[in-house]
Amino acid sequence: MQERWLSVQGIAAHLGVNRDTVCKLTERKRMPTQKVGRLRRFPAAEMDAWVKKGTAKERSTEEPHVQGYAN
């Protein structure tokens, strides 16, 4: 079976979060992603494992607030 790779909008819908949340986590290098050309792609199975592992809940107080995101 071929692994599903999702776009920013696709992974936001898959996880039930806002697109901006995905962009912020990606920009902070906290969310597993691969860059394909200029676009970000997220392996669905790896994202599910990331959420189940609890990494998505962790937050450092040292991280600055990030505004905006360039695709």
N, C-alpha and C. Protein backbone atom coordinates (compact mmCIF):
# COMPACT_ATOMS: atom_id res chain seq x y z
N MET A 1 0.84 -1.18 0.00
CA MET A 1 0.00 0.00 0.00
C MET A 1 0.88 1.25 0.00
N GLN A 2 0.54 2.20 -0.80
CA GLN A 2 1.32 3.42 -0.93
C GLN A 2 1.00 4.37 0.21
N GLU A 3 2.05 4.98 0.79
CA GLU A 3 1.87 5.92 1.89
C GLU A 3 1.25 7.22 1.40
N ARG A 4 0.32 7.76 2.17
CA ARG A 4 -0.34 9.02 1.82
C ARG A 4 0.50 10.19 2.30
N TRP A 5 0.72 11.16 1.42
CA TRP A 5 1.41 12.40 1.76
C TRP A 5 0.39 13.52 1.62
N LEU A 6 0.28 14.34 2.65
CA LEU A 6 -0.73 15.39 2.67
C LEU A 6 -0.11 16.78 2.58
N SER A 7 -0.86 17.71 2.03
CA SER A 7 -0.44 19.11 1.96
C SER A 7 -0.70 19.77 3.31
N VAL A 8 -0.35 21.05 3.42
CA VAL A 8 -0.61 21.80 4.65
C VAL A 8 -2.11 21.78 4.95
N GLN A 9 -2.94 22.06 3.94
CA GLN A 9 -4.38 22.05 4.13
C GLN A 9 -4.88 20.65 4.47
N GLY A 10 -4.31 19.65 3.82
CA GLY A 10 -4.71 18.26 4.05
C GLY A 10 -4.39 17.80 5.46
N ILE A 11 -3.20 18.12 5.96
CA ILE A 11 -2.82 17.67 7.30
C ILE A 11 -3.60 18.46 8.35
N ALA A 12 -3.91 19.72 8.07
CA ALA A 12 -4.74 20.50 9.00
C ALA A 12 -6.12 19.86 9.14
N ALA A 13 -6.71 19.47 8.02
CA ALA A 13 -8.02 18.81 8.06
C ALA A 13 -7.91 17.44 8.74
N HIS A 14 -6.85 16.70 8.44
CA HIS A 14 -6.62 15.37 9.02
C HIS A 14 -6.51 15.44 10.54
N LEU A 15 -5.82 16.46 11.05
CA LEU A 15 -5.62 16.62 12.48
C LEU A 15 -6.72 17.43 13.16
N GLY A 16 -7.55 18.08 12.37
CA GLY A 16 -8.64 18.89 12.92
C GLY A 16 -8.16 20.18 13.56
N VAL A 17 -7.12 20.77 12.96
CA VAL A 17 -6.59 22.04 13.46
C VAL A 17 -6.60 23.07 12.34
N ASN A 18 -6.34 24.29 12.69
CA ASN A 18 -6.27 25.38 11.73
C ASN A 18 -5.00 25.29 10.89
N ARG A 19 -5.05 25.74 9.66
CA ARG A 19 -3.88 25.76 8.77
C ARG A 19 -2.74 26.57 9.39
N ASP A 20 -3.08 27.67 10.07
CA ASP A 20 -2.05 28.51 10.70
C ASP A 20 -1.30 27.75 11.79
N THR A 21 -1.98 26.88 12.50
CA THR A 21 -1.34 26.06 13.53
C THR A 21 -0.29 25.15 12.90
N VAL A 22 -0.65 24.53 11.79
CA VAL A 22 0.30 23.65 11.08
C VAL A 22 1.50 24.46 10.62
N CYS A 23 1.26 25.63 10.08
CA CYS A 23 2.36 26.48 9.59
C CYS A 23 3.29 26.89 10.72
N LYS A 24 2.72 27.26 11.87
CA LYS A 24 3.55 27.66 13.00
C LYS A 24 4.40 26.51 13.52
N LEU A 25 3.78 25.33 13.65
CA LEU A 25 4.54 24.18 14.13
C LEU A 25 5.62 23.77 13.15
N THR A 26 5.33 23.87 11.87
CA THR A 26 6.32 23.54 10.85
C THR A 26 7.47 24.54 10.89
N GLU A 27 7.15 25.80 11.02
CA GLU A 27 8.18 26.85 11.05
C GLU A 27 9.09 26.70 12.26
N ARG A 28 8.53 26.25 13.37
CA ARG A 28 9.32 26.04 14.58
C ARG A 28 10.07 24.71 14.57
N LYS A 29 9.94 23.97 13.47
CA LYS A 29 10.62 22.68 13.28
C LYS A 29 10.20 21.66 14.34
N ARG A 30 8.96 21.73 14.75
CA ARG A 30 8.45 20.79 15.75
C ARG A 30 7.59 19.71 15.11
N MET A 31 7.13 19.94 13.90
CA MET A 31 6.25 18.99 13.23
C MET A 31 7.04 18.30 12.11
N PRO A 32 6.98 16.96 12.05
CA PRO A 32 7.71 16.26 10.99
C PRO A 32 7.15 16.61 9.62
N THR A 33 8.00 16.99 8.72
CA THR A 33 7.58 17.37 7.37
C THR A 33 8.73 17.14 6.39
N GLN A 34 8.39 17.08 5.14
CA GLN A 34 9.38 16.99 4.06
C GLN A 34 9.08 18.09 3.07
N LYS A 35 10.11 18.69 2.56
CA LYS A 35 9.94 19.73 1.55
C LYS A 35 10.12 19.09 0.18
N VAL A 36 9.13 19.27 -0.68
CA VAL A 36 9.17 18.76 -2.04
C VAL A 36 9.09 19.98 -2.95
N GLY A 37 10.25 20.37 -3.47
CA GLY A 37 10.31 21.61 -4.22
C GLY A 37 10.06 22.77 -3.27
N ARG A 38 9.05 23.58 -3.57
CA ARG A 38 8.70 24.70 -2.68
C ARG A 38 7.59 24.34 -1.71
N LEU A 39 7.04 23.14 -1.82
CA LEU A 39 5.88 22.75 -1.03
C LEU A 39 6.24 21.85 0.14
N ARG A 40 5.47 21.91 1.19
CA ARG A 40 5.62 21.02 2.34
C ARG A 40 4.66 19.87 2.19
N ARG A 41 5.14 18.68 2.52
CA ARG A 41 4.30 17.48 2.49
C ARG A 41 4.48 16.74 3.80
N PHE A 42 3.40 16.14 4.26
CA PHE A 42 3.37 15.47 5.55
C PHE A 42 2.93 14.02 5.35
N PRO A 43 3.74 13.04 5.77
CA PRO A 43 3.33 11.65 5.68
C PRO A 43 2.26 11.38 6.74
N ALA A 44 1.07 10.96 6.32
CA ALA A 44 -0.07 10.79 7.22
C ALA A 44 0.25 9.82 8.36
N ALA A 45 0.86 8.68 8.07
CA ALA A 45 1.16 7.69 9.11
C ALA A 45 2.14 8.25 10.14
N GLU A 46 3.14 8.98 9.68
CA GLU A 46 4.13 9.57 10.58
C GLU A 46 3.49 10.65 11.46
N MET A 47 2.55 11.41 10.89
CA MET A 47 1.86 12.43 11.66
C MET A 47 0.99 11.80 12.74
N ASP A 48 0.31 10.71 12.41
CA ASP A 48 -0.51 10.01 13.42
C ASP A 48 0.36 9.51 14.56
N ALA A 49 1.53 8.96 14.24
CA ALA A 49 2.45 8.48 15.27
C ALA A 49 2.97 9.65 16.10
N TRP A 50 3.24 10.79 15.48
CA TRP A 50 3.72 11.98 16.17
C TRP A 50 2.70 12.45 17.20
N VAL A 51 1.42 12.46 16.81
CA VAL A 51 0.36 12.89 17.71
C VAL A 51 0.21 11.89 18.86
N LYS A 52 0.19 10.60 18.54
CA LYS A 52 0.03 9.56 19.56
C LYS A 52 1.19 9.56 20.56
N LYS A 53 2.38 9.87 20.07
CA LYS A 53 3.57 9.91 20.92
C LYS A 53 3.48 11.04 21.95
N GLY A 54 2.70 12.06 21.66
CA GLY A 54 2.53 13.17 22.58
C GLY A 54 3.42 14.35 22.29
N THR A 55 4.21 14.27 21.23
CA THR A 55 5.12 15.36 20.87
C THR A 55 4.34 16.62 20.52
N ALA A 56 3.15 16.46 20.00
CA ALA A 56 2.35 17.62 19.60
C ALA A 56 1.94 18.46 20.79
N LYS A 57 1.86 17.88 21.99
CA LYS A 57 1.43 18.60 23.18
C LYS A 57 2.54 19.41 23.82
N GLU A 58 3.78 19.00 23.62
CA GLU A 58 4.90 19.67 24.27
C GLU A 58 5.05 21.09 23.75
N ARG A 59 5.40 22.00 24.66
CA ARG A 59 5.61 23.37 24.24
C ARG A 59 6.68 24.00 25.10
N SER A 60 7.64 24.60 24.47
CA SER A 60 8.71 25.27 25.19
C SER A 60 8.33 26.73 25.42
N THR A 61 8.58 27.24 26.61
CA THR A 61 8.29 28.64 26.90
C THR A 61 9.34 29.56 26.29
N GLU A 62 10.43 28.98 25.79
CA GLU A 62 11.49 29.78 25.19
C GLU A 62 11.20 30.14 23.75
N GLU A 63 10.21 29.50 23.13
CA GLU A 63 9.93 29.75 21.73
C GLU A 63 9.21 31.09 21.56
N PRO A 64 9.66 31.90 20.64
CA PRO A 64 8.98 33.17 20.39
C PRO A 64 7.69 32.93 19.62
N HIS A 65 6.77 33.87 19.71
CA HIS A 65 5.55 33.79 18.93
C HIS A 65 5.90 34.03 17.46
N VAL A 66 5.41 33.16 16.60
CA VAL A 66 5.73 33.25 15.17
C VAL A 66 4.49 33.73 14.45
N GLN A 67 4.64 34.78 13.63
CA GLN A 67 3.52 35.28 12.85
C GLN A 67 3.78 35.02 11.38
N GLY A 68 2.73 34.61 10.69
CA GLY A 68 2.81 34.40 9.25
C GLY A 68 3.55 33.15 8.87
N TYR A 69 3.45 32.79 7.63
CA TYR A 69 4.11 31.60 7.10
C TYR A 69 4.18 31.73 5.60
N ALA A 70 5.34 31.50 5.06
CA ALA A 70 5.51 31.55 3.61
C ALA A 70 5.60 30.14 3.07
N ASN A 71 4.73 29.77 2.15
CA ASN A 71 4.78 28.44 1.51
C ASN A 71 5.93 28.36 0.57
